[in-house]
Amino acid sequence: NTSGNEWSIFVDSDDRLYIDGVRELTVGASDIYVAENETVVPVNMGTAINSAADEREFSITDRFVFVSANKREGGAGGYDLWYIVLIPAE
């Protein structure tokens, strides 16, 4: 927990911890953060995942990150569902 706001939490099959919330140095209203294990402070996933809008309530599979984004450009309005294809690091 921080002095900001944390909403959703997700742990992937590799035990990475993902959090959506508002912390210092956010890209938008609410961003997605990741920690490689429980002892590491979560870091912002950057502009490849986060936008100036509100990234919240997501799930992750081996190939996709699903997020709902508030008023992200190109959406139908309100909270729309978006997906991002993850490219594995080499």
C-alpha atoms as a PDB file:
ATOM      1  CA  ASN A   1       0.000   0.000   0.000  1.00  0.00           C
ATOM      2  CA  THR A   2       0.994   3.586  -0.612  1.00  0.00           C
ATOM      3  CA  SER A   3      -0.390   7.018   0.157  1.00  0.00           C
ATOM      4  CA  GLY A   4      -2.037   6.798  -3.301  1.00  0.00           C
ATOM      5  CA  ASN A   5      -4.837   4.439  -4.335  1.00  0.00           C
ATOM      6  CA  GLU A   6      -4.518   0.747  -5.171  1.00  0.00           C
ATOM      7  CA  TRP A   7      -7.508  -1.090  -6.691  1.00  0.00           C
ATOM      8  CA  SER A   8      -6.951  -4.411  -8.434  1.00  0.00           C
ATOM      9  CA  ILE A   9      -4.228  -6.984  -7.954  1.00  0.00           C
ATOM     10  CA  PHE A  10      -3.247  -9.845 -10.245  1.00  0.00           C
ATOM     11  CA  VAL A  11      -0.521 -12.506  -9.976  1.00  0.00           C
ATOM     12  CA  ASP A  12       0.551 -14.168 -13.237  1.00  0.00           C
ATOM     13  CA  SER A  13       1.836 -17.708 -13.812  1.00  0.00           C
ATOM     14  CA  ASP A  14       5.426 -16.481 -13.230  1.00  0.00           C
ATOM     15  CA  ASP A  15       4.462 -14.984  -9.835  1.00  0.00           C
ATOM     16  CA  ARG A  16       4.757 -11.389 -11.039  1.00  0.00           C
ATOM     17  CA  LEU A  17       2.488  -9.076  -9.068  1.00  0.00           C
ATOM     18  CA  TYR A  18       0.457  -6.501 -11.020  1.00  0.00           C
ATOM     19  CA  ILE A  19      -1.394  -3.607  -9.400  1.00  0.00           C
ATOM     20  CA  ASP A  20      -3.537  -0.858 -10.854  1.00  0.00           C
ATOM     21  CA  GLY A  21      -3.667   2.385  -8.978  1.00  0.00           C
ATOM     22  CA  VAL A  22      -2.609   5.977  -8.591  1.00  0.00           C
ATOM     23  CA  ARG A  23       0.931   6.464  -7.320  1.00  0.00           C
ATOM     24  CA  GLU A  24       3.612   9.089  -7.771  1.00  0.00           C
ATOM     25  CA  LEU A  25       4.717   9.722 -11.375  1.00  0.00           C
ATOM     26  CA  THR A  26       1.687   8.191 -13.083  1.00  0.00           C
ATOM     27  CA  VAL A  27       1.279   8.364 -16.859  1.00  0.00           C
ATOM     28  CA  GLY A  28      -2.479   8.866 -16.525  1.00  0.00           C
ATOM     29  CA  ALA A  29      -5.261   8.892 -13.975  1.00  0.00           C
ATOM     30  CA  SER A  30      -4.613   5.265 -12.948  1.00  0.00           C
ATOM     31  CA  ASP A  31      -1.742   3.076 -14.195  1.00  0.00           C
ATOM     32  CA  ILE A  32      -0.660  -0.570 -14.117  1.00  0.00           C
ATOM     33  CA  TYR A  33       2.470  -1.458 -12.126  1.00  0.00           C
ATOM     34  CA  VAL A  34       4.442  -4.718 -11.917  1.00  0.00           C
ATOM     35  CA  ALA A  35       6.762  -6.271  -9.320  1.00  0.00           C
ATOM     36  CA  GLU A  36       8.890  -9.306 -10.178  1.00  0.00           C
ATOM     37  CA  ASN A  37       8.405 -10.746  -6.688  1.00  0.00           C
ATOM     38  CA  GLU A  38       6.847  -9.823  -3.363  1.00  0.00           C
ATOM     39  CA  THR A  39       9.975  -8.049  -2.081  1.00  0.00           C
ATOM     40  CA  VAL A  40      10.334  -5.635  -5.025  1.00  0.00           C
ATOM     41  CA  VAL A  41       8.560  -2.275  -5.177  1.00  0.00           C
ATOM     42  CA  PRO A  42       6.133  -2.287  -8.151  1.00  0.00           C
ATOM     43  CA  VAL A  43       7.249  -0.145 -11.108  1.00  0.00           C
ATOM     44  CA  ASN A  44       5.073   1.639 -13.633  1.00  0.00           C
ATOM     45  CA  MET A  45       4.771  -0.380 -16.874  1.00  0.00           C
ATOM     46  CA  GLY A  46       5.205   2.794 -18.931  1.00  0.00           C
ATOM     47  CA  THR A  47       3.472   4.170 -22.001  1.00  0.00           C
ATOM     48  CA  ALA A  48       3.423   0.839 -23.867  1.00  0.00           C
ATOM     49  CA  ILE A  49       0.674  -0.218 -21.408  1.00  0.00           C
ATOM     50  CA  ASN A  50      -0.487   2.980 -19.688  1.00  0.00           C
ATOM     51  CA  SER A  51      -2.071   6.022 -21.314  1.00  0.00           C
ATOM     52  CA  ALA A  52      -3.248   9.444 -20.204  1.00  0.00           C
ATOM     53  CA  ALA A  53      -6.594   7.703 -19.519  1.00  0.00           C
ATOM     54  CA  ASP A  54      -7.511   5.391 -16.637  1.00  0.00           C
ATOM     55  CA  GLU A  55      -6.138   1.800 -16.835  1.00  0.00           C
ATOM     56  CA  ARG A  56      -8.045  -0.423 -14.403  1.00  0.00           C
ATOM     57  CA  GLU A  57      -9.341  -3.938 -13.733  1.00  0.00           C
ATOM     58  CA  PHE A  58      -7.186  -6.063 -15.997  1.00  0.00           C
ATOM     59  CA  SER A  59      -6.255  -9.698 -16.440  1.00  0.00           C
ATOM     60  CA  ILE A  60      -3.202 -11.262 -18.027  1.00  0.00           C
ATOM     61  CA  THR A  61      -2.719 -14.475 -19.975  1.00  0.00           C
ATOM     62  CA  ASP A  62       0.411 -15.814 -21.656  1.00  0.00           C
ATOM     63  CA  ARG A  63      -0.288 -13.566 -24.658  1.00  0.00           C
ATOM     64  CA  PHE A  64      -2.524 -10.646 -23.689  1.00  0.00           C
ATOM     65  CA  VAL A  65      -3.095  -7.908 -21.171  1.00  0.00           C
ATOM     66  CA  PHE A  66      -6.760  -6.901 -21.008  1.00  0.00           C
ATOM     67  CA  VAL A  67      -7.477  -3.495 -19.534  1.00  0.00           C
ATOM     68  CA  SER A  68     -10.461  -1.241 -19.253  1.00  0.00           C
ATOM     69  CA  ALA A  69      -9.606   2.348 -20.076  1.00  0.00           C
ATOM     70  CA  ASN A  70     -11.577   5.481 -19.331  1.00  0.00           C
ATOM     71  CA  LYS A  71     -11.954   7.652 -22.419  1.00  0.00           C
ATOM     72  CA  ARG A  72      -8.840   6.279 -24.141  1.00  0.00           C
ATOM     73  CA  GLU A  73      -8.725   7.840 -27.596  1.00  0.00           C
ATOM     74  CA  GLY A  74     -10.537   5.682 -30.151  1.00  0.00           C
ATOM     75  CA  GLY A  75     -12.934   4.046 -27.694  1.00  0.00           C
ATOM     76  CA  ALA A  76     -16.726   4.039 -27.647  1.00  0.00           C
ATOM     77  CA  GLY A  77     -16.766   6.107 -24.436  1.00  0.00           C
ATOM     78  CA  GLY A  78     -16.636   5.542 -20.704  1.00  0.00           C
ATOM     79  CA  TYR A  79     -14.740   2.390 -19.712  1.00  0.00           C
ATOM     80  CA  ASP A  80     -14.008   0.352 -22.849  1.00  0.00           C
ATOM     81  CA  LEU A  81     -12.201  -3.008 -23.027  1.00  0.00           C
ATOM     82  CA  TRP A  82      -8.798  -2.930 -24.706  1.00  0.00           C
ATOM     83  CA  TYR A  83      -6.209  -5.623 -25.270  1.00  0.00           C
ATOM     84  CA  ILE A  84      -2.483  -5.380 -25.768  1.00  0.00           C
ATOM     85  CA  VAL A  85      -0.405  -8.180 -27.288  1.00  0.00           C
ATOM     86  CA  LEU A  86       2.679  -8.751 -25.161  1.00  0.00           C
ATOM     87  CA  ILE A  87       5.965  -9.381 -26.961  1.00  0.00           C
ATOM     88  CA  PRO A  88       8.313 -11.528 -24.836  1.00  0.00           C
ATOM     89  CA  ALA A  89      11.697 -10.021 -23.982  1.00  0.00           C
ATOM     90  CA  GLU A  90      14.570 -11.769 -25.710  1.00  0.00           C
END
